Amino acid sequence: MGITSAIVLFAVVWFMTFFVVLPLRMQTQSEAGDVVPGTPKSAPADAQIGRKARITTYFAIPIWVVLVVIILSGWISVRDLDWFERMGPSSSASA
């Protein structure tokens, strides 16, 4: 795994984790009782993006480390995930 692959993997893991963390403990403007004119009632009252980005990073780093260890150790390779190669040429020729 090259440095570029590692950075891309981290970015993917970070954003997937971020989308899980983002709605946690969210309070809408209607729940807070302070709806700003021109915004929907379901808009967050205080999104706390910085705090959620830190929480995301704390969770994404260990997940990324586990994935890098699995990839570098060879437990799972691209060939394990390639369904078409496992089928082989004989199964596609018989169709």
PDB file of N, CA and C in Angstrom:
ATOM      1  N   MET A   1       0.855  -1.165   0.000  1.00  0.00           N
ATOM      2  CA  MET A   1       0.000   0.000   0.000  1.00  0.00           C
ATOM      3  C   MET A   1       0.903   1.230   0.000  1.00  0.00           C
ATOM      4  N   GLY A   2       0.668   2.092  -0.950  1.00  0.00           N
ATOM      5  CA  GLY A   2       1.434   3.323  -1.051  1.00  0.00           C
ATOM      6  C   GLY A   2       0.858   4.408  -0.159  1.00  0.00           C
ATOM      7  N   ILE A   3       1.571   5.520  -0.081  1.00  0.00           N
ATOM      8  CA  ILE A   3       1.124   6.624   0.762  1.00  0.00           C
ATOM      9  C   ILE A   3      -0.176   7.227   0.239  1.00  0.00           C
ATOM     10  N   THR A   4      -0.310   7.285  -1.083  1.00  0.00           N
ATOM     11  CA  THR A   4      -1.539   7.828  -1.656  1.00  0.00           C
ATOM     12  C   THR A   4      -2.731   6.933  -1.324  1.00  0.00           C
ATOM     13  N   SER A   5      -2.544   5.640  -1.430  1.00  0.00           N
ATOM     14  CA  SER A   5      -3.618   4.698  -1.086  1.00  0.00           C
ATOM     15  C   SER A   5      -4.001   4.816   0.381  1.00  0.00           C
ATOM     16  N   ALA A   6      -3.022   4.986   1.239  1.00  0.00           N
ATOM     17  CA  ALA A   6      -3.294   5.112   2.669  1.00  0.00           C
ATOM     18  C   ALA A   6      -4.077   6.390   2.958  1.00  0.00           C
ATOM     19  N   ILE A   7      -3.715   7.483   2.283  1.00  0.00           N
ATOM     20  CA  ILE A   7      -4.427   8.750   2.489  1.00  0.00           C
ATOM     21  C   ILE A   7      -5.857   8.659   1.979  1.00  0.00           C
ATOM     22  N   VAL A   8      -6.040   8.041   0.823  1.00  0.00           N
ATOM     23  CA  VAL A   8      -7.392   7.882   0.269  1.00  0.00           C
ATOM     24  C   VAL A   8      -8.232   6.992   1.183  1.00  0.00           C
ATOM     25  N   LEU A   9      -7.647   5.909   1.686  1.00  0.00           N
ATOM     26  CA  LEU A   9      -8.371   5.024   2.598  1.00  0.00           C
ATOM     27  C   LEU A   9      -8.769   5.779   3.863  1.00  0.00           C
ATOM     28  N   PHE A  10      -7.858   6.597   4.390  1.00  0.00           N
ATOM     29  CA  PHE A  10      -8.190   7.373   5.587  1.00  0.00           C
ATOM     30  C   PHE A  10      -9.321   8.356   5.310  1.00  0.00           C
ATOM     31  N   ALA A  11      -9.282   9.015   4.158  1.00  0.00           N
ATOM     32  CA  ALA A  11     -10.335   9.969   3.809  1.00  0.00           C
ATOM     33  C   ALA A  11     -11.690   9.273   3.704  1.00  0.00           C
ATOM     34  N   VAL A  12     -11.713   8.103   3.094  1.00  0.00           N
ATOM     35  CA  VAL A  12     -12.969   7.356   2.963  1.00  0.00           C
ATOM     36  C   VAL A  12     -13.489   6.945   4.338  1.00  0.00           C
ATOM     37  N   VAL A  13     -12.604   6.411   5.178  1.00  0.00           N
ATOM     38  CA  VAL A  13     -13.012   5.993   6.525  1.00  0.00           C
ATOM     39  C   VAL A  13     -13.478   7.196   7.342  1.00  0.00           C
ATOM     40  N   TRP A  14     -12.748   8.319   7.215  1.00  0.00           N
ATOM     41  CA  TRP A  14     -13.100   9.507   7.995  1.00  0.00           C
ATOM     42  C   TRP A  14     -14.477  10.015   7.610  1.00  0.00           C
ATOM     43  N   PHE A  15     -14.757  10.131   6.315  1.00  0.00           N
ATOM     44  CA  PHE A  15     -16.056  10.663   5.898  1.00  0.00           C
ATOM     45  C   PHE A  15     -17.186   9.686   6.206  1.00  0.00           C
ATOM     46  N   MET A  16     -16.949   8.393   6.081  1.00  0.00           N
ATOM     47  CA  MET A  16     -18.006   7.444   6.456  1.00  0.00           C
ATOM     48  C   MET A  16     -18.311   7.546   7.949  1.00  0.00           C
ATOM     49  N   THR A  17     -17.271   7.680   8.754  1.00  0.00           N
ATOM     50  CA  THR A  17     -17.466   7.837  10.194  1.00  0.00           C
ATOM     51  C   THR A  17     -18.147   9.165  10.502  1.00  0.00           C
ATOM     52  N   PHE A  18     -17.774  10.212   9.779  1.00  0.00           N
ATOM     53  CA  PHE A  18     -18.361  11.538   9.988  1.00  0.00           C
ATOM     54  C   PHE A  18     -19.865  11.517   9.732  1.00  0.00           C
ATOM     55  N   PHE A  19     -20.281  10.823   8.682  1.00  0.00           N
ATOM     56  CA  PHE A  19     -21.710  10.755   8.375  1.00  0.00           C
ATOM     57  C   PHE A  19     -22.483   9.946   9.411  1.00  0.00           C
ATOM     58  N   VAL A  20     -21.798   9.068  10.142  1.00  0.00           N
ATOM     59  CA  VAL A  20     -22.446   8.352  11.241  1.00  0.00           C
ATOM     60  C   VAL A  20     -22.530   9.254  12.472  1.00  0.00           C
ATOM     61  N   VAL A  21     -21.471  10.012  12.744  1.00  0.00           N
ATOM     62  CA  VAL A  21     -21.408  10.853  13.943  1.00  0.00           C
ATOM     63  C   VAL A  21     -22.263  12.108  13.800  1.00  0.00           C
ATOM     64  N   LEU A  22     -22.402  12.627  12.605  1.00  0.00           N
ATOM     65  CA  LEU A  22     -23.066  13.910  12.377  1.00  0.00           C
ATOM     66  C   LEU A  22     -24.457  14.027  13.007  1.00  0.00           C
ATOM     67  N   PRO A  23     -25.352  13.056  12.866  1.00  0.00           N
ATOM     68  CA  PRO A  23     -26.687  13.250  13.456  1.00  0.00           C
ATOM     69  C   PRO A  23     -26.774  12.951  14.955  1.00  0.00           C
ATOM     70  N   LEU A  24     -25.704  12.479  15.580  1.00  0.00           N
ATOM     71  CA  LEU A  24     -25.767  12.145  16.998  1.00  0.00           C
ATOM     72  C   LEU A  24     -25.911  13.404  17.847  1.00  0.00           C
ATOM     73  N   ARG A  25     -26.804  13.355  18.799  1.00  0.00           N
ATOM     74  CA  ARG A  25     -27.080  14.452  19.736  1.00  0.00           C
ATOM     75  C   ARG A  25     -27.423  15.765  19.039  1.00  0.00           C
ATOM     76  N   MET A  26     -28.049  15.658  17.894  1.00  0.00           N
ATOM     77  CA  MET A  26     -28.452  16.858  17.176  1.00  0.00           C
ATOM     78  C   MET A  26     -29.784  17.356  17.732  1.00  0.00           C
ATOM     79  N   GLN A  27     -29.867  18.650  17.976  1.00  0.00           N
ATOM     80  CA  GLN A  27     -31.103  19.260  18.436  1.00  0.00           C
ATOM     81  C   GLN A  27     -31.576  20.197  17.332  1.00  0.00           C
ATOM     82  N   THR A  28     -32.786  19.989  16.865  1.00  0.00           N
ATOM     83  CA  THR A  28     -33.321  20.822  15.783  1.00  0.00           C
ATOM     84  C   THR A  28     -33.743  22.184  16.338  1.00  0.00           C
ATOM     85  N   GLN A  29     -33.940  23.117  15.411  1.00  0.00           N
ATOM     86  CA  GLN A  29     -34.377  24.454  15.822  1.00  0.00           C
ATOM     87  C   GLN A  29     -35.769  24.418  16.451  1.00  0.00           C
ATOM     88  N   SER A  30     -36.630  23.520  15.946  1.00  0.00           N
ATOM     89  CA  SER A  30     -37.977  23.445  16.536  1.00  0.00           C
ATOM     90  C   SER A  30     -37.919  22.866  17.944  1.00  0.00           C
ATOM     91  N   GLU A  31     -36.994  21.922  18.208  1.00  0.00           N
ATOM     92  CA  GLU A  31     -36.844  21.376  19.561  1.00  0.00           C
ATOM     93  C   GLU A  31     -36.280  22.429  20.508  1.00  0.00           C
ATOM     94  N   ALA A  32     -35.395  23.293  19.979  1.00  0.00           N
ATOM     95  CA  ALA A  32     -34.804  24.348  20.812  1.00  0.00           C
ATOM     96  C   ALA A  32     -35.765  25.518  21.000  1.00  0.00           C
ATOM     97  N   GLY A  33     -36.793  25.596  20.144  1.00  0.00           N
ATOM     98  CA  GLY A  33     -37.768  26.676  20.253  1.00  0.00           C
ATOM     99  C   GLY A  33     -37.301  27.986  19.646  1.00  0.00           C
ATOM    100  N   ASP A  34     -36.315  27.945  18.777  1.00  0.00           N
ATOM    101  CA  ASP A  34     -35.774  29.163  18.166  1.00  0.00           C
ATOM    102  C   ASP A  34     -35.543  28.909  16.683  1.00  0.00           C
ATOM    103  N   VAL A  35     -36.611  29.062  15.877  1.00  0.00           N
ATOM    104  CA  VAL A  35     -36.516  28.833  14.441  1.00  0.00           C
ATOM    105  C   VAL A  35     -36.113  30.133  13.764  1.00  0.00           C
ATOM    106  N   VAL A  36     -34.981  30.102  13.060  1.00  0.00           N
ATOM    107  CA  VAL A  36     -34.479  31.274  12.336  1.00  0.00           C
ATOM    108  C   VAL A  36     -35.318  31.427  11.069  1.00  0.00           C
ATOM    109  N   PRO A  37     -35.836  32.620  10.783  1.00  0.00           N
ATOM    110  CA  PRO A  37     -36.637  32.809   9.572  1.00  0.00           C
ATOM    111  C   PRO A  37     -35.839  32.445   8.314  1.00  0.00           C
ATOM    112  N   GLY A  38     -36.490  31.733   7.413  1.00  0.00           N
ATOM    113  CA  GLY A  38     -35.858  31.323   6.168  1.00  0.00           C
ATOM    114  C   GLY A  38     -35.179  29.965   6.241  1.00  0.00           C
ATOM    115  N   THR A  39     -35.234  29.312   7.400  1.00  0.00           N
ATOM    116  CA  THR A  39     -34.643  27.977   7.539  1.00  0.00           C
ATOM    117  C   THR A  39     -35.735  26.991   7.926  1.00  0.00           C
ATOM    118  N   PRO A  40     -35.541  25.714   7.594  1.00  0.00           N
ATOM    119  CA  PRO A  40     -36.550  24.730   7.996  1.00  0.00           C
ATOM    120  C   PRO A  40     -36.479  24.462   9.500  1.00  0.00           C
ATOM    121  N   LYS A  41     -37.590  24.006  10.044  1.00  0.00           N
ATOM    122  CA  LYS A  41     -37.636  23.694  11.473  1.00  0.00           C
ATOM    123  C   LYS A  41     -36.680  22.573  11.838  1.00  0.00           C
ATOM    124  N   SER A  42     -36.368  21.718  10.871  1.00  0.00           N
ATOM    125  CA  SER A  42     -35.503  20.569  11.143  1.00  0.00           C
ATOM    126  C   SER A  42     -34.018  20.899  11.064  1.00  0.00           C
ATOM    127  N   ALA A  43     -33.668  22.154  10.781  1.00  0.00           N
ATOM    128  CA  ALA A  43     -32.256  22.548  10.735  1.00  0.00           C
ATOM    129  C   ALA A  43     -31.669  22.479  12.144  1.00  0.00           C
ATOM    130  N   PRO A  44     -30.382  22.116  12.254  1.00  0.00           N
ATOM    131  CA  PRO A  44     -29.789  22.027  13.591  1.00  0.00           C
ATOM    132  C   PRO A  44     -29.700  23.387  14.267  1.00  0.00           C
ATOM    133  N   ALA A  45     -29.963  23.405  15.566  1.00  0.00           N
ATOM    134  CA  ALA A  45     -29.854  24.642  16.332  1.00  0.00           C
ATOM    135  C   ALA A  45     -28.384  24.985  16.558  1.00  0.00           C
ATOM    136  N   ASP A  46     -27.585  24.000  16.899  1.00  0.00           N
ATOM    137  CA  ASP A  46     -26.144  24.168  17.092  1.00  0.00           C
ATOM    138  C   ASP A  46     -25.479  22.900  16.570  1.00  0.00           C
ATOM    139  N   ALA A  47     -24.906  22.964  15.384  1.00  0.00           N
ATOM    140  CA  ALA A  47     -24.389  21.767  14.726  1.00  0.00           C
ATOM    141  C   ALA A  47     -23.144  21.201  15.391  1.00  0.00           C
ATOM    142  N   GLN A  48     -22.329  22.017  16.050  1.00  0.00           N
ATOM    143  CA  GLN A  48     -21.103  21.582  16.719  1.00  0.00           C
ATOM    144  C   GLN A  48     -20.204  20.777  15.779  1.00  0.00           C
ATOM    145  N   ILE A  49     -19.953  21.337  14.603  1.00  0.00           N
ATOM    146  CA  ILE A  49     -19.177  20.630  13.571  1.00  0.00           C
ATOM    147  C   ILE A  49     -17.752  20.341  14.036  1.00  0.00           C
ATOM    148  N   GLY A  50     -17.121  21.290  14.694  1.00  0.00           N
ATOM    149  CA  GLY A  50     -15.745  21.078  15.166  1.00  0.00           C
ATOM    150  C   GLY A  50     -15.646  19.936  16.154  1.00  0.00           C
ATOM    151  N   ARG A  51     -16.576  19.888  17.091  1.00  0.00           N
ATOM    152  CA  ARG A  51     -16.592  18.806  18.084  1.00  0.00           C
ATOM    153  C   ARG A  51     -16.835  17.458  17.417  1.00  0.00           C
ATOM    154  N   LYS A  52     -17.744  17.438  16.469  1.00  0.00           N
ATOM    155  CA  LYS A  52     -18.053  16.189  15.776  1.00  0.00           C
ATOM    156  C   LYS A  52     -16.905  15.756  14.869  1.00  0.00           C
ATOM    157  N   ALA A  53     -16.156  16.719  14.323  1.00  0.00           N
ATOM    158  CA  ALA A  53     -14.980  16.376  13.515  1.00  0.00           C
ATOM    159  C   ALA A  53     -13.896  15.748  14.391  1.00  0.00           C
ATOM    160  N   ARG A  54     -13.724  16.264  15.611  1.00  0.00           N
ATOM    161  CA  ARG A  54     -12.755  15.664  16.535  1.00  0.00           C
ATOM    162  C   ARG A  54     -13.171  14.251  16.924  1.00  0.00           C
ATOM    163  N   ILE A  55     -14.439  14.068  17.250  1.00  0.00           N
ATOM    164  CA  ILE A  55     -14.938  12.740  17.607  1.00  0.00           C
ATOM    165  C   ILE A  55     -14.753  11.783  16.430  1.00  0.00           C
ATOM    166  N   THR A  56     -15.044  12.261  15.239  1.00  0.00           N
ATOM    167  CA  THR A  56     -14.866  11.448  14.037  1.00  0.00           C
ATOM    168  C   THR A  56     -13.419  11.019  13.891  1.00  0.00           C
ATOM    169  N   THR A  57     -12.489  11.927  14.096  1.00  0.00           N
ATOM    170  CA  THR A  57     -11.069  11.605  13.970  1.00  0.00           C
ATOM    171  C   THR A  57     -10.658  10.581  15.007  1.00  0.00           C
ATOM    172  N   TYR A  58     -11.156  10.712  16.232  1.00  0.00           N
ATOM    173  CA  TYR A  58     -10.823   9.750  17.287  1.00  0.00           C
ATOM    174  C   TYR A  58     -11.301   8.345  16.950  1.00  0.00           C
ATOM    175  N   PHE A  59     -12.415   8.228  16.259  1.00  0.00           N
ATOM    176  CA  PHE A  59     -12.921   6.915  15.873  1.00  0.00           C
ATOM    177  C   PHE A  59     -12.322   6.430  14.550  1.00  0.00           C
ATOM    178  N   ALA A  60     -12.046   7.347  13.635  1.00  0.00           N
ATOM    179  CA  ALA A  60     -11.570   6.964  12.304  1.00  0.00           C
ATOM    180  C   ALA A  60     -10.137   6.441  12.334  1.00  0.00           C
ATOM    181  N   ILE A  61      -9.294   6.991  13.194  1.00  0.00           N
ATOM    182  CA  ILE A  61      -7.892   6.551  13.221  1.00  0.00           C
ATOM    183  C   ILE A  61      -7.769   5.078  13.587  1.00  0.00           C
ATOM    184  N   PRO A  62      -8.390   4.583  14.677  1.00  0.00           N
ATOM    185  CA  PRO A  62      -8.262   3.148  14.963  1.00  0.00           C
ATOM    186  C   PRO A  62      -8.885   2.250  13.887  1.00  0.00           C
ATOM    187  N   ILE A  63      -9.997   2.689  13.310  1.00  0.00           N
ATOM    188  CA  ILE A  63     -10.610   1.901  12.228  1.00  0.00           C
ATOM    189  C   ILE A  63      -9.653   1.825  11.052  1.00  0.00           C
ATOM    190  N   TRP A  64      -9.035   2.955  10.703  1.00  0.00           N
ATOM    191  CA  TRP A  64      -8.073   3.005   9.600  1.00  0.00           C
ATOM    192  C   TRP A  64      -6.864   2.124   9.885  1.00  0.00           C
ATOM    193  N   VAL A  65      -6.361   2.152  11.115  1.00  0.00           N
ATOM    194  CA  VAL A  65      -5.204   1.332  11.477  1.00  0.00           C
ATOM    195  C   VAL A  65      -5.529  -0.147  11.317  1.00  0.00           C
ATOM    196  N   VAL A  66      -6.699  -0.564  11.754  1.00  0.00           N
ATOM    197  CA  VAL A  66      -7.105  -1.970  11.608  1.00  0.00           C
ATOM    198  C   VAL A  66      -7.168  -2.346  10.132  1.00  0.00           C
ATOM    199  N   LEU A  67      -7.749  -1.492   9.301  1.00  0.00           N
ATOM    200  CA  LEU A  67      -7.836  -1.784   7.869  1.00  0.00           C
ATOM    201  C   LEU A  67      -6.455  -1.842   7.224  1.00  0.00           C
ATOM    202  N   VAL A  68      -5.552  -0.939   7.605  1.00  0.00           N
ATOM    203  CA  VAL A  68      -4.196  -0.953   7.048  1.00  0.00           C
ATOM    204  C   VAL A  68      -3.466  -2.224   7.455  1.00  0.00           C
ATOM    205  N   VAL A  69      -3.605  -2.638   8.703  1.00  0.00           N
ATOM    206  CA  VAL A  69      -2.959  -3.872   9.161  1.00  0.00           C
ATOM    207  C   VAL A  69      -3.495  -5.069   8.389  1.00  0.00           C
ATOM    208  N   ILE A  70      -4.795  -5.124   8.185  1.00  0.00           N
ATOM    209  CA  ILE A  70      -5.392  -6.233   7.429  1.00  0.00           C
ATOM    210  C   ILE A  70      -4.879  -6.237   6.001  1.00  0.00           C
ATOM    211  N   ILE A  71      -4.814  -5.075   5.375  1.00  0.00           N
ATOM    212  CA  ILE A  71      -4.363  -4.998   3.983  1.00  0.00           C
ATOM    213  C   ILE A  71      -2.885  -5.343   3.871  1.00  0.00           C
ATOM    214  N   LEU A  72      -2.057  -4.780   4.743  1.00  0.00           N
ATOM    215  CA  LEU A  72      -0.616  -5.011   4.656  1.00  0.00           C
ATOM    216  C   LEU A  72      -0.219  -6.429   5.059  1.00  0.00           C
ATOM    217  N   SER A  73      -0.989  -7.048   5.941  1.00  0.00           N
ATOM    218  CA  SER A  73      -0.672  -8.415   6.359  1.00  0.00           C
ATOM    219  C   SER A  73      -1.030  -9.433   5.288  1.00  0.00           C
ATOM    220  N   GLY A  74      -1.918  -9.068   4.379  1.00  0.00           N
ATOM    221  CA  GLY A  74      -2.322  -9.990   3.326  1.00  0.00           C
ATOM    222  C   GLY A  74      -3.486 -10.876   3.702  1.00  0.00           C
ATOM    223  N   TRP A  75      -4.116 -10.637   4.858  1.00  0.00           N
ATOM    224  CA  TRP A  75      -5.278 -11.432   5.242  1.00  0.00           C
ATOM    225  C   TRP A  75      -6.373 -11.323   4.200  1.00  0.00           C
ATOM    226  N   ILE A  76      -6.562 -10.118   3.671  1.00  0.00           N
ATOM    227  CA  ILE A  76      -7.527  -9.883   2.605  1.00  0.00           C
ATOM    228  C   ILE A  76      -6.800  -9.162   1.494  1.00  0.00           C
ATOM    229  N   SER A  77      -6.926  -9.671   0.282  1.00  0.00           N
ATOM    230  CA  SER A  77      -6.283  -9.021  -0.859  1.00  0.00           C
ATOM    231  C   SER A  77      -7.344  -8.651  -1.892  1.00  0.00           C
ATOM    232  N   VAL A  78      -6.911  -7.992  -2.945  1.00  0.00           N
ATOM    233  CA  VAL A  78      -7.830  -7.615  -4.013  1.00  0.00           C
ATOM    234  C   VAL A  78      -8.395  -8.865  -4.680  1.00  0.00           C
ATOM    235  N   ARG A  79      -7.587  -9.886  -4.788  1.00  0.00           N
ATOM    236  CA  ARG A  79      -8.058 -11.146  -5.405  1.00  0.00           C
ATOM    237  C   ARG A  79      -9.179 -11.794  -4.593  1.00  0.00           C
ATOM    238  N   ASP A  80      -9.169 -11.614  -3.287  1.00  0.00           N
ATOM    239  CA  ASP A  80     -10.257 -12.142  -2.453  1.00  0.00           C
ATOM    240  C   ASP A  80     -11.568 -11.418  -2.717  1.00  0.00           C
ATOM    241  N   LEU A  81     -11.485 -10.178  -3.144  1.00  0.00           N
ATOM    242  CA  LEU A  81     -12.680  -9.373  -3.378  1.00  0.00           C
ATOM    243  C   LEU A  81     -13.137  -9.385  -4.833  1.00  0.00           C
ATOM    244  N   ASP A  82     -12.361  -9.961  -5.719  1.00  0.00           N
ATOM    245  CA  ASP A  82     -12.672  -9.970  -7.149  1.00  0.00           C
ATOM    246  C   ASP A  82     -13.561 -11.171  -7.470  1.00  0.00           C
ATOM    247  N   TRP A  83     -14.861 -10.937  -7.516  1.00  0.00           N
ATOM    248  CA  TRP A  83     -15.823 -12.018  -7.736  1.00  0.00           C
ATOM    249  C   TRP A  83     -15.735 -12.596  -9.139  1.00  0.00           C
ATOM    250  N   PHE A  84     -15.434 -11.768 -10.122  1.00  0.00           N
ATOM    251  CA  PHE A  84     -15.413 -12.234 -11.504  1.00  0.00           C
ATOM    252  C   PHE A  84     -14.238 -13.169 -11.772  1.00  0.00           C
ATOM    253  N   GLU A  85     -13.119 -12.921 -11.121  1.00  0.00           N
ATOM    254  CA  GLU A  85     -11.969 -13.789 -11.332  1.00  0.00           C
ATOM    255  C   GLU A  85     -12.189 -15.156 -10.690  1.00  0.00           C
ATOM    256  N   ARG A  86     -12.918 -15.209  -9.583  1.00  0.00           N
ATOM    257  CA  ARG A  86     -13.190 -16.488  -8.929  1.00  0.00           C
ATOM    258  C   ARG A  86     -14.103 -17.371  -9.765  1.00  0.00           C
ATOM    259  N   MET A  87     -14.974 -16.736 -10.550  1.00  0.00           N
ATOM    260  CA  MET A  87     -15.878 -17.519 -11.382  1.00  0.00           C
ATOM    261  C   MET A  87     -15.102 -18.244 -12.463  1.00  0.00           C
ATOM    262  N   GLY A  88     -14.042 -17.665 -12.965  1.00  0.00           N
ATOM    263  CA  GLY A  88     -13.197 -18.315 -13.970  1.00  0.00           C
ATOM    264  C   GLY A  88     -13.792 -18.238 -15.356  1.00  0.00           C
ATOM    265  N   PRO A  89     -12.974 -18.511 -16.360  1.00  0.00           N
ATOM    266  CA  PRO A  89     -13.441 -18.403 -17.753  1.00  0.00           C
ATOM    267  C   PRO A  89     -14.410 -19.525 -18.140  1.00  0.00           C
ATOM    268  N   SER A  90     -14.357 -20.665 -17.464  1.00  0.00           N
ATOM    269  CA  SER A  90     -15.231 -21.780 -17.855  1.00  0.00           C
ATOM    270  C   SER A  90     -16.689 -21.488 -17.563  1.00  0.00           C
ATOM    271  N   SER A  91     -16.990 -20.774 -16.486  1.00  0.00           N
ATOM    272  CA  SER A  91     -18.387 -20.500 -16.154  1.00  0.00           C
ATOM    273  C   SER A  91     -19.005 -19.460 -17.094  1.00  0.00           C
ATOM    274  N   SER A  92     -18.205 -18.538 -17.635  1.00  0.00           N
ATOM    275  CA  SER A  92     -18.752 -17.552 -18.557  1.00  0.00           C
ATOM    276  C   SER A  92     -18.849 -18.112 -19.978  1.00  0.00           C
ATOM    277  N   ALA A  93     -18.020 -19.104 -20.310  1.00  0.00           N
ATOM    278  CA  ALA A  93     -18.051 -19.693 -21.665  1.00  0.00           C
ATOM    279  C   ALA A  93     -19.228 -20.648 -21.825  1.00  0.00           C
ATOM    280  N   SER A  94     -19.718 -21.207 -20.722  1.00  0.00           N
ATOM    281  CA  SER A  94     -20.810 -22.163 -20.829  1.00  0.00           C
ATOM    282  C   SER A  94     -22.155 -21.485 -21.016  1.00  0.00           C
ATOM    283  N   ALA A  95     -22.229 -20.206 -20.851  1.00  0.00           N
ATOM    284  CA  ALA A  95     -23.498 -19.497 -20.967  1.00  0.00           C
ATOM    285  C   ALA A  95     -23.962 -19.273 -22.361  1.00  0.00           C
TER     286      ALA A  95
END
